[in-house]
Amino acid sequence: MSIRPSCAATGRLRPPCPRRVVQAAFLALLCGEQAAPFGGVMAVTGTPDALSLVVTGDKLAPRPEHWGWLTDALPGDLDDLPTAQVQFALLPDLLADLGRPASVSLGDPVTLAF
């Protein structure tokens, strides 16, 4: 996986992006990783005001019970969420703090917009 080479050279995102938005983008990448257990390609695009994650791959397998945490008003019980999927519990709180709802599509490709 590579994070835009232009970011690596300067250590800065262009255009500048608020830290909380960058945190949300990286949590979204962790969610996306779970949708492509056999590998794939993930891309985060957009602006600081509206980001979108797109996950493509040969064998996508997003688990609705995990992705549902991102859009459900009443998520499941934390005790039932495996430790490896903690990003699905953290991202909704961060998006709520940012005042952004999540939109999820579990088709091919898997998409998450916020």
C-alpha atoms as a PDB file:
ATOM      1  CA  MET A   1       0.000   0.000   0.000  1.00  0.00           C
ATOM      2  CA  SER A   2       1.271   3.463  -0.720  1.00  0.00           C
ATOM      3  CA  ILE A   3       0.058   6.830   0.452  1.00  0.00           C
ATOM      4  CA  ARG A   4       0.391   9.362  -2.351  1.00  0.00           C
ATOM      5  CA  PRO A   5       4.084   9.811  -3.090  1.00  0.00           C
ATOM      6  CA  SER A   6       3.608  13.589  -3.129  1.00  0.00           C
ATOM      7  CA  CYS A   7       2.634  13.418   0.545  1.00  0.00           C
ATOM      8  CA  ALA A   8       5.723  11.426   1.447  1.00  0.00           C
ATOM      9  CA  ALA A   9       8.073  14.018  -0.014  1.00  0.00           C
ATOM     10  CA  THR A  10       6.706  16.954   1.975  1.00  0.00           C
ATOM     11  CA  GLY A  11       4.917  15.256   4.859  1.00  0.00           C
ATOM     12  CA  ARG A  12       1.859  17.378   4.025  1.00  0.00           C
ATOM     13  CA  LEU A  13      -1.419  16.670   2.308  1.00  0.00           C
ATOM     14  CA  ARG A  14      -2.415  18.896  -0.576  1.00  0.00           C
ATOM     15  CA  PRO A  15      -4.775  20.601  -0.112  1.00  0.00           C
ATOM     16  CA  PRO A  16      -4.297  20.872   3.659  1.00  0.00           C
ATOM     17  CA  CYS A  17      -6.769  18.688   5.499  1.00  0.00           C
ATOM     18  CA  PRO A  18      -7.920  18.961   9.137  1.00  0.00           C
ATOM     19  CA  ARG A  19      -6.393  16.298  11.363  1.00  0.00           C
ATOM     20  CA  ARG A  20      -9.775  14.775  12.304  1.00  0.00           C
ATOM     21  CA  VAL A  21     -10.638  14.342   8.610  1.00  0.00           C
ATOM     22  CA  VAL A  22      -7.311  12.585   8.007  1.00  0.00           C
ATOM     23  CA  GLN A  23      -8.020  10.330  10.998  1.00  0.00           C
ATOM     24  CA  ALA A  24     -11.405   9.471   9.490  1.00  0.00           C
ATOM     25  CA  ALA A  25      -9.778   8.691   6.136  1.00  0.00           C
ATOM     26  CA  PHE A  26      -7.295   6.297   7.737  1.00  0.00           C
ATOM     27  CA  LEU A  27     -10.021   4.578   9.775  1.00  0.00           C
ATOM     28  CA  ALA A  28     -11.978   4.239   6.515  1.00  0.00           C
ATOM     29  CA  LEU A  29      -8.914   2.587   4.922  1.00  0.00           C
ATOM     30  CA  LEU A  30      -8.825   0.108   7.797  1.00  0.00           C
ATOM     31  CA  CYS A  31     -12.495  -0.657   7.186  1.00  0.00           C
ATOM     32  CA  GLY A  32     -11.800  -1.062   3.478  1.00  0.00           C
ATOM     33  CA  GLU A  33      -8.992  -3.494   4.174  1.00  0.00           C
ATOM     34  CA  GLN A  34     -11.512  -5.821   5.821  1.00  0.00           C
ATOM     35  CA  ALA A  35     -13.631  -5.852   2.648  1.00  0.00           C
ATOM     36  CA  ALA A  36     -10.765  -7.213   0.537  1.00  0.00           C
ATOM     37  CA  PRO A  37      -9.321 -10.172   2.460  1.00  0.00           C
ATOM     38  CA  PHE A  38      -7.558 -11.496  -0.654  1.00  0.00           C
ATOM     39  CA  GLY A  39      -6.139  -8.146  -1.729  1.00  0.00           C
ATOM     40  CA  GLY A  40      -7.415  -5.365  -3.858  1.00  0.00           C
ATOM     41  CA  VAL A  41      -7.085  -1.668  -4.508  1.00  0.00           C
ATOM     42  CA  MET A  42      -8.316   1.104  -2.236  1.00  0.00           C
ATOM     43  CA  ALA A  43      -8.592   4.752  -3.179  1.00  0.00           C
ATOM     44  CA  VAL A  44      -9.639   7.728  -1.073  1.00  0.00           C
ATOM     45  CA  THR A  45     -10.711  10.660  -3.201  1.00  0.00           C
ATOM     46  CA  GLY A  46     -12.493  13.958  -2.734  1.00  0.00           C
ATOM     47  CA  THR A  47     -11.915  17.119  -0.786  1.00  0.00           C
ATOM     48  CA  PRO A  48     -11.605  17.789   2.944  1.00  0.00           C
ATOM     49  CA  ASP A  49     -15.371  18.484   2.898  1.00  0.00           C
ATOM     50  CA  ALA A  50     -16.415  15.222   1.206  1.00  0.00           C
ATOM     51  CA  LEU A  51     -14.300  12.074   1.007  1.00  0.00           C
ATOM     52  CA  SER A  52     -15.021   8.769  -0.651  1.00  0.00           C
ATOM     53  CA  LEU A  53     -13.345   5.380  -0.241  1.00  0.00           C
ATOM     54  CA  VAL A  54     -13.627   2.891  -3.102  1.00  0.00           C
ATOM     55  CA  VAL A  55     -12.456  -0.708  -2.660  1.00  0.00           C
ATOM     56  CA  THR A  56     -12.075  -3.009  -5.651  1.00  0.00           C
ATOM     57  CA  GLY A  57     -10.765  -6.559  -5.831  1.00  0.00           C
ATOM     58  CA  ASP A  58     -11.385  -9.993  -7.250  1.00  0.00           C
ATOM     59  CA  LYS A  59     -12.957 -11.458  -4.113  1.00  0.00           C
ATOM     60  CA  LEU A  60     -14.595  -8.712  -2.087  1.00  0.00           C
ATOM     61  CA  ALA A  61     -16.189  -9.950   1.123  1.00  0.00           C
ATOM     62  CA  PRO A  62     -17.542  -7.042   3.175  1.00  0.00           C
ATOM     63  CA  ARG A  63     -19.358  -8.232   6.278  1.00  0.00           C
ATOM     64  CA  PRO A  64     -22.665  -6.358   6.632  1.00  0.00           C
ATOM     65  CA  GLU A  65     -22.652  -6.821  10.416  1.00  0.00           C
ATOM     66  CA  HIS A  66     -19.442  -4.771  10.594  1.00  0.00           C
ATOM     67  CA  TRP A  67     -20.222  -2.177   7.916  1.00  0.00           C
ATOM     68  CA  GLY A  68     -23.655  -1.648   9.496  1.00  0.00           C
ATOM     69  CA  TRP A  69     -21.924   0.094  12.402  1.00  0.00           C
ATOM     70  CA  LEU A  70     -21.112   2.969  10.053  1.00  0.00           C
ATOM     71  CA  THR A  71     -24.720   3.812   9.201  1.00  0.00           C
ATOM     72  CA  ASP A  72     -26.940   2.340  11.916  1.00  0.00           C
ATOM     73  CA  ALA A  73     -28.329   4.730  14.499  1.00  0.00           C
ATOM     74  CA  LEU A  74     -28.103   1.939  17.078  1.00  0.00           C
ATOM     75  CA  PRO A  75     -25.003  -0.152  16.418  1.00  0.00           C
ATOM     76  CA  GLY A  76     -24.553  -3.632  17.801  1.00  0.00           C
ATOM     77  CA  ASP A  77     -23.036  -4.590  21.109  1.00  0.00           C
ATOM     78  CA  LEU A  78     -19.326  -3.777  21.436  1.00  0.00           C
ATOM     79  CA  ASP A  79     -18.817  -7.151  23.102  1.00  0.00           C
ATOM     80  CA  ASP A  80     -19.826  -8.810  19.825  1.00  0.00           C
ATOM     81  CA  LEU A  81     -17.373  -6.808  17.688  1.00  0.00           C
ATOM     82  CA  PRO A  82     -14.070  -8.641  17.134  1.00  0.00           C
ATOM     83  CA  THR A  83     -11.003  -6.703  18.219  1.00  0.00           C
ATOM     84  CA  ALA A  84      -9.667  -6.679  14.645  1.00  0.00           C
ATOM     85  CA  GLN A  85     -12.737  -4.660  13.593  1.00  0.00           C
ATOM     86  CA  VAL A  86     -12.508  -1.887  16.203  1.00  0.00           C
ATOM     87  CA  GLN A  87     -12.304   0.690  13.370  1.00  0.00           C
ATOM     88  CA  PHE A  88     -15.990   0.048  12.668  1.00  0.00           C
ATOM     89  CA  ALA A  89     -16.815   1.256  16.194  1.00  0.00           C
ATOM     90  CA  LEU A  90     -14.396   4.220  16.162  1.00  0.00           C
ATOM     91  CA  LEU A  91     -15.248   5.732  12.778  1.00  0.00           C
ATOM     92  CA  PRO A  92     -18.959   6.486  13.443  1.00  0.00           C
ATOM     93  CA  ASP A  93     -18.099   8.507  16.566  1.00  0.00           C
ATOM     94  CA  LEU A  94     -15.481  10.497  14.686  1.00  0.00           C
ATOM     95  CA  LEU A  95     -17.869  11.160  11.801  1.00  0.00           C
ATOM     96  CA  ALA A  96     -20.542  12.279  14.276  1.00  0.00           C
ATOM     97  CA  ASP A  97     -18.040  14.727  15.790  1.00  0.00           C
ATOM     98  CA  LEU A  98     -17.377  16.041  12.283  1.00  0.00           C
ATOM     99  CA  GLY A  99     -21.116  16.290  11.566  1.00  0.00           C
ATOM    100  CA  ARG A 100     -20.855  13.890   8.616  1.00  0.00           C
ATOM    101  CA  PRO A 101     -23.148  10.966   7.912  1.00  0.00           C
ATOM    102  CA  ALA A 102     -21.679   7.875   6.277  1.00  0.00           C
ATOM    103  CA  SER A 103     -23.050   6.380   3.086  1.00  0.00           C
ATOM    104  CA  VAL A 104     -22.092   2.747   2.402  1.00  0.00           C
ATOM    105  CA  SER A 105     -22.515   0.463  -0.599  1.00  0.00           C
ATOM    106  CA  LEU A 106     -21.452  -3.152  -0.198  1.00  0.00           C
ATOM    107  CA  GLY A 107     -21.590  -3.992  -3.890  1.00  0.00           C
ATOM    108  CA  ASP A 108     -18.697  -4.275  -6.293  1.00  0.00           C
ATOM    109  CA  PRO A 109     -16.943  -1.934  -5.674  1.00  0.00           C
ATOM    110  CA  VAL A 110     -17.428  -1.368  -1.950  1.00  0.00           C
ATOM    111  CA  THR A 111     -17.829   2.352  -1.286  1.00  0.00           C
ATOM    112  CA  LEU A 112     -17.893   4.540   1.790  1.00  0.00           C
ATOM    113  CA  ALA A 113     -18.575   8.264   1.488  1.00  0.00           C
ATOM    114  CA  PHE A 114     -18.550  10.862   4.248  1.00  0.00           C
END
